[in-house]
Amino acid sequence: MTGSRKKMKAAGVYTTTACAATLDEAPGAYKPMDLILENIRETVDVIEVIKPVYNFKAGGAGD
């Protein structure tokens, strides 16, 4: 879990809810924004890019 928090902190994203019970996502599913923009540039006009600043994950009781 410490690695996940370090990655979010390095990306400038703050979280107080990351714990073992909330780390169920597949990090490999997330791609670099530049790669995504390169692949969709012919089909969309990107007007604005929003950067998350807080990450909230709901866990079970006692997490």
C-alpha atoms as a PDB file:
ATOM      1  CA  MET A   1       0.000   0.000   0.000  1.00  0.00           C
ATOM      2  CA  THR A   2       2.844   2.390   0.710  1.00  0.00           C
ATOM      3  CA  GLY A   3       3.817   2.245  -2.977  1.00  0.00           C
ATOM      4  CA  SER A   4       0.329   3.336  -4.044  1.00  0.00           C
ATOM      5  CA  ARG A   5       0.378   6.313  -1.708  1.00  0.00           C
ATOM      6  CA  LYS A   6       3.827   7.295  -2.942  1.00  0.00           C
ATOM      7  CA  LYS A   7       2.649   7.153  -6.567  1.00  0.00           C
ATOM      8  CA  MET A   8      -0.371   9.343  -5.805  1.00  0.00           C
ATOM      9  CA  LYS A   9       1.757  11.801  -3.837  1.00  0.00           C
ATOM     10  CA  ALA A  10       4.290  11.989  -6.691  1.00  0.00           C
ATOM     11  CA  ALA A  11       1.414  12.764  -9.058  1.00  0.00           C
ATOM     12  CA  GLY A  12       0.189  15.527  -6.756  1.00  0.00           C
ATOM     13  CA  VAL A  13      -2.947  13.651  -5.699  1.00  0.00           C
ATOM     14  CA  TYR A  14      -3.878  13.717  -1.986  1.00  0.00           C
ATOM     15  CA  THR A  15      -5.700  10.851  -0.289  1.00  0.00           C
ATOM     16  CA  THR A  16      -6.584   9.864   3.250  1.00  0.00           C
ATOM     17  CA  THR A  17      -8.607   6.795   2.308  1.00  0.00           C
ATOM     18  CA  ALA A  18      -6.155   4.500   0.508  1.00  0.00           C
ATOM     19  CA  CYS A  19      -5.796   1.249   2.419  1.00  0.00           C
ATOM     20  CA  ALA A  20      -5.516  -2.469   1.669  1.00  0.00           C
ATOM     21  CA  ALA A  21      -9.319  -2.778   1.340  1.00  0.00           C
ATOM     22  CA  THR A  22      -9.536  -0.036  -1.310  1.00  0.00           C
ATOM     23  CA  LEU A  23      -6.669  -1.122  -3.565  1.00  0.00           C
ATOM     24  CA  ASP A  24      -8.813  -3.236  -5.886  1.00  0.00           C
ATOM     25  CA  GLU A  25      -8.236  -1.332  -9.100  1.00  0.00           C
ATOM     26  CA  ALA A  26      -5.862  -2.438 -11.852  1.00  0.00           C
ATOM     27  CA  PRO A  27      -3.147   0.214 -12.088  1.00  0.00           C
ATOM     28  CA  GLY A  28      -2.164  -1.105 -15.524  1.00  0.00           C
ATOM     29  CA  ALA A  29      -5.535   0.081 -16.834  1.00  0.00           C
ATOM     30  CA  TYR A  30      -4.437   3.689 -16.460  1.00  0.00           C
ATOM     31  CA  LYS A  31      -2.487   5.115 -19.386  1.00  0.00           C
ATOM     32  CA  PRO A  32      -0.380   8.269 -19.654  1.00  0.00           C
ATOM     33  CA  MET A  33      -2.479  11.244 -20.719  1.00  0.00           C
ATOM     34  CA  ASP A  34      -0.160  12.028 -23.649  1.00  0.00           C
ATOM     35  CA  LEU A  35      -0.710   8.535 -25.070  1.00  0.00           C
ATOM     36  CA  ILE A  36      -4.484   8.840 -24.756  1.00  0.00           C
ATOM     37  CA  LEU A  37      -4.554  12.287 -26.361  1.00  0.00           C
ATOM     38  CA  GLU A  38      -2.369  11.068 -29.224  1.00  0.00           C
ATOM     39  CA  ASN A  39      -4.758   8.200 -29.927  1.00  0.00           C
ATOM     40  CA  ILE A  40      -7.986  10.220 -29.816  1.00  0.00           C
ATOM     41  CA  ARG A  41      -6.827  13.469 -31.452  1.00  0.00           C
ATOM     42  CA  GLU A  42      -8.548  12.729 -34.776  1.00  0.00           C
ATOM     43  CA  THR A  43     -11.928  12.093 -33.164  1.00  0.00           C
ATOM     44  CA  VAL A  44     -12.226  14.744 -30.456  1.00  0.00           C
ATOM     45  CA  ASP A  45     -11.368  18.324 -29.601  1.00  0.00           C
ATOM     46  CA  VAL A  46      -9.873  18.430 -26.111  1.00  0.00           C
ATOM     47  CA  ILE A  47     -11.045  21.701 -24.584  1.00  0.00           C
ATOM     48  CA  GLU A  48      -9.694  21.268 -21.085  1.00  0.00           C
ATOM     49  CA  VAL A  49      -7.795  18.685 -19.052  1.00  0.00           C
ATOM     50  CA  ILE A  50      -8.851  18.211 -15.436  1.00  0.00           C
ATOM     51  CA  LYS A  51      -6.287  16.975 -12.917  1.00  0.00           C
ATOM     52  CA  PRO A  52      -7.483  15.240  -9.746  1.00  0.00           C
ATOM     53  CA  VAL A  53      -6.249  16.686  -6.474  1.00  0.00           C
ATOM     54  CA  TYR A  54      -7.998  14.349  -4.031  1.00  0.00           C
ATOM     55  CA  ASN A  55      -8.717  10.638  -4.269  1.00  0.00           C
ATOM     56  CA  PHE A  56     -11.552   9.172  -2.189  1.00  0.00           C
ATOM     57  CA  LYS A  57     -12.174   5.440  -1.905  1.00  0.00           C
ATOM     58  CA  ALA A  58     -14.935   3.921   0.189  1.00  0.00           C
ATOM     59  CA  GLY A  59     -13.907   0.813   2.109  1.00  0.00           C
ATOM     60  CA  GLY A  60     -15.713  -1.519   4.431  1.00  0.00           C
ATOM     61  CA  ALA A  61     -16.336  -0.830   8.089  1.00  0.00           C
ATOM     62  CA  GLY A  62     -13.162  -0.497  10.113  1.00  0.00           C
ATOM     63  CA  ASP A  63     -10.867   0.139   7.135  1.00  0.00           C
END
